[in-house]
Amino acid sequence: MASTEKRDHAGNLVGYYPLWLDNMAEDITGEGAAMQGVLHGIQLVHKLVTDAREVYENQQFQFTGNYGENGFLEEYTCNIQGEPTRVVVTVKRNADGKAQHLVVNHRPRSSVLLFARIMGKKYADTPLARFFITSES
């Protein structure tokens, strides 16, 4: 599972796009520290990932690459509304090489909670709202 890779003078990836995002299994699942529950299916997982990428400011990748026989890992830093955030993404592939399970972990906890509130507000009155912090949560 490759990616688009180009590095700047500091060694960070520039213009990175996760190719696994376009190679998901129909029954993919997605979860993360900022979520309550597990997303199921390409439509919901793809929407959340692409929407999250819009929230991240100054996203800088330190590592992307395979791990083990069926895994892919991303590690990056970003700001969420100015708050420094570190993120680790793990992708498990199925036997066909498609992304089967995605886990996104933000840190520190303040960024986890901030992201959960931002996404809760963004998804208010949609099926995705129940996974995040909303005014009713």
Protein backbone atom coordinates (compact mmCIF):
# COMPACT_ATOMS: atom_id res chain seq x y z
CA MET A 1 0.00 0.00 0.00
CA ALA A 2 1.96 2.94 -1.26
CA SER A 3 1.51 6.64 -0.88
CA THR A 4 2.41 9.75 -2.76
CA GLU A 5 5.76 10.70 -1.28
CA LYS A 6 7.79 13.84 -1.62
CA ARG A 7 9.92 15.18 1.23
CA ASP A 8 10.90 18.74 2.18
CA HIS A 9 14.33 19.83 3.41
CA ALA A 10 13.40 18.79 6.98
CA GLY A 11 12.44 15.28 5.86
CA ASN A 12 8.67 15.76 6.25
CA LEU A 13 6.32 14.44 3.59
CA VAL A 14 4.85 17.15 1.39
CA GLY A 15 1.52 16.73 -0.41
CA TYR A 16 1.01 13.27 1.06
CA TYR A 17 -2.22 11.52 0.12
CA PRO A 18 -3.04 8.16 1.72
CA LEU A 19 -3.66 5.78 -1.16
CA TRP A 20 -5.41 3.38 1.22
CA LEU A 21 -8.22 5.95 1.31
CA ASP A 22 -9.09 4.94 -2.26
CA ASN A 23 -8.60 1.21 -1.61
CA MET A 24 -11.05 0.33 1.16
CA ALA A 25 -12.92 -2.93 1.68
CA GLU A 26 -16.71 -2.60 1.48
CA ASP A 27 -16.99 -3.67 5.13
CA ILE A 28 -14.20 -1.44 6.48
CA THR A 29 -14.43 -0.36 10.09
CA GLY A 30 -13.02 2.78 11.63
CA GLU A 31 -12.49 3.87 15.21
CA GLY A 32 -10.46 6.28 17.26
CA ALA A 33 -9.85 7.85 20.63
CA ALA A 34 -12.10 10.81 19.76
CA MET A 35 -15.02 8.58 18.84
CA GLN A 36 -17.64 6.65 20.76
CA GLY A 37 -18.24 3.44 18.84
CA VAL A 38 -17.11 2.03 15.51
CA LEU A 39 -17.93 3.27 12.00
CA HIS A 40 -18.91 0.64 9.43
CA GLY A 41 -18.62 0.91 5.66
CA ILE A 42 -16.73 2.87 3.03
CA GLN A 43 -19.10 5.84 2.89
CA LEU A 44 -18.89 6.72 6.59
CA VAL A 45 -15.18 5.97 7.04
CA HIS A 46 -14.20 7.89 3.89
CA LYS A 47 -16.33 10.88 4.90
CA LEU A 48 -14.85 11.05 8.38
CA VAL A 49 -11.25 10.78 7.14
CA THR A 50 -11.66 13.43 4.44
CA ASP A 51 -13.52 15.76 6.82
CA ALA A 52 -10.86 15.28 9.51
CA ARG A 53 -8.12 16.19 7.04
CA GLU A 54 -9.87 19.56 6.58
CA VAL A 55 -9.73 20.21 10.35
CA TYR A 56 -5.98 19.57 10.55
CA GLU A 57 -3.79 22.64 10.19
CA ASN A 58 -0.13 22.39 9.18
CA GLN A 59 -0.23 18.61 8.91
CA GLN A 60 3.34 17.23 8.80
CA PHE A 61 4.02 13.54 8.30
CA GLN A 62 6.99 12.03 10.06
CA PHE A 63 6.38 8.46 8.89
CA THR A 64 4.23 6.45 6.52
CA GLY A 65 4.89 2.84 5.70
CA ASN A 66 4.08 -0.81 5.96
CA TYR A 67 4.37 -2.76 9.18
CA GLY A 68 4.04 -6.52 9.37
CA GLU A 69 2.41 -8.39 6.53
CA ASN A 70 -0.96 -6.62 6.53
CA GLY A 71 -0.44 -3.28 8.21
CA PHE A 72 0.21 0.32 7.27
CA LEU A 73 1.15 3.11 9.66
CA GLU A 74 1.05 6.91 9.52
CA GLU A 75 2.50 9.24 12.12
CA TYR A 76 2.04 12.98 11.86
CA THR A 77 1.71 16.22 13.74
CA CYS A 78 -0.82 18.97 13.14
CA ASN A 79 -2.69 21.72 14.87
CA ILE A 80 -6.38 21.55 15.62
CA GLN A 81 -7.64 25.10 16.08
CA GLY A 82 -4.09 26.04 17.00
CA GLU A 83 -3.60 23.18 19.49
CA PRO A 84 -0.51 21.02 18.84
CA THR A 85 -1.57 17.46 18.14
CA ARG A 86 0.21 14.20 17.38
CA VAL A 87 -1.61 11.46 15.48
CA VAL A 88 -0.94 7.79 14.79
CA VAL A 89 -3.05 5.97 12.21
CA THR A 90 -3.00 2.21 11.82
CA VAL A 91 -4.53 0.49 8.83
CA LYS A 92 -5.03 -3.27 8.68
CA ARG A 93 -5.43 -4.76 5.21
CA ASN A 94 -7.47 -7.80 4.28
CA ALA A 95 -6.26 -10.71 2.11
CA ASP A 96 -7.07 -8.66 -1.03
CA GLY A 97 -4.83 -5.79 0.13
CA LYS A 98 -7.76 -3.48 0.85
CA ALA A 99 -7.98 -1.33 3.99
CA GLN A 100 -10.15 -3.37 6.36
CA HIS A 101 -9.76 -1.68 9.73
CA LEU A 102 -8.64 1.85 10.57
CA VAL A 103 -7.69 3.24 13.98
CA VAL A 104 -6.87 6.94 14.48
CA ASN A 105 -5.40 8.04 17.78
CA HIS A 106 -4.88 11.71 18.65
CA ARG A 107 -2.91 13.00 21.61
CA PRO A 108 -2.77 14.77 24.01
CA ARG A 109 -6.17 14.24 25.61
CA SER A 110 -7.05 17.93 25.19
CA SER A 111 -6.72 17.48 21.41
CA VAL A 112 -8.80 14.30 21.52
CA LEU A 113 -11.62 16.17 23.26
CA LEU A 114 -11.29 19.24 21.02
CA PHE A 115 -11.47 17.09 17.89
CA ALA A 116 -14.49 15.21 19.29
CA ARG A 117 -16.32 18.51 19.94
CA ILE A 118 -15.45 19.95 16.50
CA MET A 119 -16.68 16.84 14.72
CA GLY A 120 -19.78 16.68 16.92
CA LYS A 121 -20.65 20.23 15.89
CA LYS A 122 -19.85 19.53 12.22
CA TYR A 123 -22.03 16.42 12.18
CA ALA A 124 -24.93 17.80 14.24
CA ASP A 125 -28.24 16.40 12.99
CA THR A 126 -26.50 13.71 10.90
CA PRO A 127 -26.00 9.99 11.56
CA LEU A 128 -22.33 10.68 12.43
CA ALA A 129 -23.20 12.98 15.36
CA ARG A 130 -23.70 10.05 17.75
CA PHE A 131 -20.00 9.15 17.48
CA PHE A 132 -18.77 12.52 18.82
CA ILE A 133 -19.35 15.05 21.58
CA THR A 134 -22.48 17.10 20.87
CA SER A 135 -24.38 19.57 22.99
CA GLU A 136 -26.69 16.66 23.94
CA SER A 137 -23.77 14.37 24.88
